[in-house]
Protein backbone atom coordinates (compact mmCIF):
# COMPACT_ATOMS: atom_id res chain seq x y z
CA MET A 1 -29.88 -10.74 17.06
CA GLY A 2 -26.51 -9.53 15.73
CA ILE A 3 -23.16 -11.27 16.06
CA LYS A 4 -20.93 -9.85 18.82
CA LEU A 5 -17.30 -9.82 17.75
CA ALA A 6 -14.35 -10.07 20.20
CA PRO A 7 -12.78 -6.72 20.75
CA GLU A 8 -9.61 -7.50 18.82
CA LEU A 9 -11.70 -8.81 15.90
CA LYS A 10 -13.88 -5.66 15.89
CA THR A 11 -10.78 -3.51 15.71
CA THR A 12 -9.45 -5.63 12.72
CA TYR A 13 -12.77 -5.50 11.04
CA ASP A 14 -12.95 -1.63 11.55
CA HIS A 15 -9.50 -1.40 10.16
CA TYR A 16 -10.62 -3.15 7.00
CA LEU A 17 -13.77 -1.07 6.82
CA ALA A 18 -11.81 2.10 7.10
CA LYS A 19 -9.48 0.93 4.22
CA THR A 20 -12.68 0.22 2.17
CA TYR A 21 -13.94 3.69 2.94
CA LEU A 22 -10.65 5.09 1.79
CA GLN A 23 -10.55 3.32 -1.47
CA ALA A 24 -14.21 4.43 -2.10
CA ASN A 25 -13.21 8.03 -1.61
CA GLN A 26 -15.38 8.12 1.55
CA PHE A 27 -12.68 10.14 3.46
CA GLU A 28 -15.03 11.36 6.23
CA LYS A 29 -15.96 7.79 7.25
CA ALA A 30 -12.46 6.65 7.10
CA LYS A 31 -11.28 9.69 9.23
CA ALA A 32 -14.13 8.83 11.74
CA LEU A 33 -12.72 5.29 12.28
CA MET A 34 -9.15 6.63 12.37
CA ASP A 35 -10.09 8.98 15.13
CA ARG A 36 -12.11 6.39 17.08
CA TYR A 37 -9.11 4.11 17.26
CA GLN A 38 -6.46 6.80 17.48
CA MET A 39 -4.76 5.30 14.62
CA GLU A 40 -2.33 8.22 14.14
CA LEU A 41 -0.79 7.17 17.53
CA SER A 42 -0.55 3.37 16.75
CA THR A 43 2.56 1.35 16.76
CA ASP A 44 0.90 -1.40 14.81
CA LEU A 45 2.40 -1.98 11.43
CA TYR A 46 -0.91 -2.60 9.62
CA THR A 47 -2.52 0.42 11.25
CA LEU A 48 0.27 2.68 10.26
CA GLN A 49 0.09 1.46 6.72
CA PHE A 50 -3.47 2.45 6.62
CA VAL A 51 -2.63 5.85 8.10
CA VAL A 52 -0.01 6.39 5.38
CA SER A 53 -2.44 5.45 2.66
CA TYR A 54 -5.10 7.90 4.07
CA HIS A 55 -2.59 10.82 4.03
CA VAL A 56 -1.22 9.84 0.54
CA LEU A 57 -4.70 9.84 -1.01
CA LEU A 58 -5.47 13.34 0.42
CA LYS A 59 -1.99 14.45 -0.44
CA ASN A 60 -1.08 15.34 3.21
CA TRP A 61 2.50 14.68 2.37
CA GLY A 62 4.03 15.86 5.65
CA LYS A 63 1.75 13.45 7.65
CA ALA A 64 2.28 10.66 5.13
CA ILE A 65 6.05 10.90 5.55
CA ALA A 66 5.81 11.13 9.38
CA SER A 67 3.72 7.95 9.47
CA ALA A 68 5.86 6.12 6.91
CA LYS A 69 8.95 6.88 9.10
CA LYS A 70 7.15 5.10 11.95
CA VAL A 71 6.56 2.21 9.64
CA LYS A 72 10.31 2.25 8.84
CA LEU A 73 11.06 1.76 12.53
CA ILE A 74 8.98 -1.41 12.57
CA SER A 75 9.67 -2.75 9.13
CA PRO A 76 12.51 -1.00 7.20
CA VAL A 77 11.70 -2.61 3.93
CA MET A 78 7.96 -1.47 4.12
CA GLY A 79 9.16 2.00 5.30
CA PHE A 80 11.57 2.32 2.42
CA THR A 81 8.70 1.25 0.01
CA MET A 82 6.21 3.77 1.36
CA LEU A 83 8.73 6.64 1.56
CA GLY A 84 9.90 5.97 -1.98
CA TYR A 85 6.33 5.79 -3.29
CA ILE A 86 5.52 9.02 -1.41
CA HIS A 87 8.55 10.96 -2.69
CA GLY A 88 7.87 9.64 -6.20
CA ALA A 89 4.27 10.83 -6.07
CA MET A 90 5.56 14.26 -4.79
CA LYS A 91 7.83 14.27 -7.86
CA LYS A 92 10.98 14.16 -5.69
CA GLN A 93 12.50 11.57 -8.06
CA GLU A 94 16.06 11.76 -6.60
CA VAL A 95 14.92 10.92 -3.08
CA ALA A 96 12.46 8.20 -4.48
CA GLN A 97 15.35 6.63 -6.47
CA ASN A 98 17.46 6.64 -3.16
CA TYR A 99 14.78 4.64 -1.58
CA LEU A 100 14.40 2.33 -4.63
CA ASP A 101 18.24 1.71 -4.61
CA SER A 102 18.12 0.82 -1.03
CA LEU A 103 15.31 -1.72 -1.68
CA ASN A 104 17.34 -3.12 -4.56
CA TRP A 105 20.43 -3.44 -2.46
CA ILE A 106 18.38 -5.23 0.31
CA ALA A 107 16.82 -7.43 -2.43
CA ALA A 108 20.37 -8.51 -3.61
CA ASN A 109 20.98 -10.09 -0.23
CA HIS A 110 17.52 -10.90 1.20
CA ASN A 111 14.30 -12.07 0.06
CA ILE A 112 11.87 -9.16 -0.31
CA PRO A 113 8.74 -9.01 -2.42
CA SER A 114 8.91 -7.63 -5.90
CA LEU A 115 5.71 -5.84 -5.01
CA ASN A 116 7.76 -3.42 -2.88
CA ILE A 117 9.88 -2.50 -5.81
CA ALA A 118 6.85 -2.16 -8.11
CA TYR A 119 5.15 0.25 -5.64
CA VAL A 120 8.21 2.66 -5.68
CA HIS A 121 8.18 2.54 -9.58
CA PHE A 122 4.45 3.34 -9.61
CA GLY A 123 4.97 6.29 -7.24
CA MET A 124 7.78 7.63 -9.51
CA GLY A 125 5.54 7.18 -12.61
CA ASN A 126 7.74 4.44 -14.01
CA ASP A 127 4.64 2.18 -14.78
CA ASP A 128 6.36 -0.08 -17.27
CA LEU A 129 9.07 -0.95 -14.62
CA GLY A 130 6.36 -1.33 -11.94
CA PHE A 131 4.54 -3.95 -14.17
CA GLU A 132 7.83 -5.73 -14.83
CA ALA A 133 8.22 -6.10 -11.09
CA LEU A 134 4.63 -7.35 -10.68
CA GLU A 135 5.18 -9.89 -13.49
CA LYS A 136 8.30 -10.99 -11.52
CA ALA A 137 6.16 -11.37 -8.44
CA TYR A 138 3.75 -13.43 -10.42
CA THR A 139 6.42 -15.65 -12.02
CA ASN A 140 7.95 -16.29 -8.61
CA HIS A 141 4.55 -17.10 -6.97
CA GLU A 142 5.05 -14.38 -4.34
CA SER A 143 2.45 -14.44 -1.60
CA SER A 144 2.47 -10.57 -1.61
CA LEU A 145 0.06 -10.70 -4.56
CA MET A 146 -2.64 -12.17 -2.53
CA ASN A 147 -3.67 -8.64 -1.54
CA ILE A 148 -2.93 -6.96 -4.68
CA GLN A 149 -6.64 -6.09 -5.19
CA VAL A 150 -6.87 -4.27 -1.96
CA ASN A 151 -3.42 -2.85 -1.65
CA SER A 152 -2.56 -1.75 -5.15
CA PRO A 153 -1.90 1.89 -6.01
CA LEU A 154 -5.02 3.48 -7.18
CA GLU A 155 -3.41 5.02 -10.28
CA ILE A 156 -2.80 1.63 -11.83
CA ARG A 157 -6.31 0.05 -11.30
CA ASP A 158 -7.60 0.97 -14.73
CA ASP A 159 -4.44 -0.02 -16.61
CA PRO A 160 -5.20 -3.13 -18.85
CA ARG A 161 -1.82 -4.78 -17.56
CA TYR A 162 -3.22 -4.64 -13.91
CA LEU A 163 -6.59 -6.15 -14.99
CA GLN A 164 -4.74 -8.90 -16.94
CA LEU A 165 -2.49 -9.61 -13.92
CA LEU A 166 -5.69 -9.96 -11.74
CA GLU A 167 -7.12 -12.40 -14.28
CA LYS A 168 -3.90 -14.43 -14.35
CA ILE A 169 -3.78 -14.60 -10.65
CA GLY A 170 -7.42 -15.85 -10.67
CA PHE A 171 -9.33 -12.88 -9.05
CA PRO A 172 -12.78 -12.55 -10.43
CA LYS A 173 -13.34 -9.61 -12.83
CA ALA A 174 -14.54 -6.40 -11.14
CA VAL A 175 -17.96 -5.26 -11.79
CA LYS A 176 -18.32 -1.51 -12.52
CA ASN A 177 -21.73 0.22 -11.84
């Protein structure tokens, strides 16, 4: 006899499952869950973040930007972060820098996670500055680091600085097959 989840928990579980498929490069399975829940049409922040991640990994830049603009309507800071990362990954440094400047301006007056700044730097290929921002997040005990193992840009996951940060935070070492 299996466990029957409440519908809202099943949806949340499937969103996490879709993200896991995405990170394991199982794009067909991730897409099937996206289609099942019509995630492209969502107005939920978490779901839209997943949709952006999906399109970024597949380099569907137009769809990634369109979904990130929806995110920006819900959370301007997260939207600026995603749009900055995407434009950086697209090698549109000037546009990415504008988003980074906007985030830095907001950060001067409001509390935003250093992780957001780090993501834009990673998208732009400024890994050293990205890791400086992650170290700042660690030093300031920012709660945004709780999900760093799941939500970090894929291009930094083999970097020794990332692995050292995970160890400092207290995450178990990853086992590679």
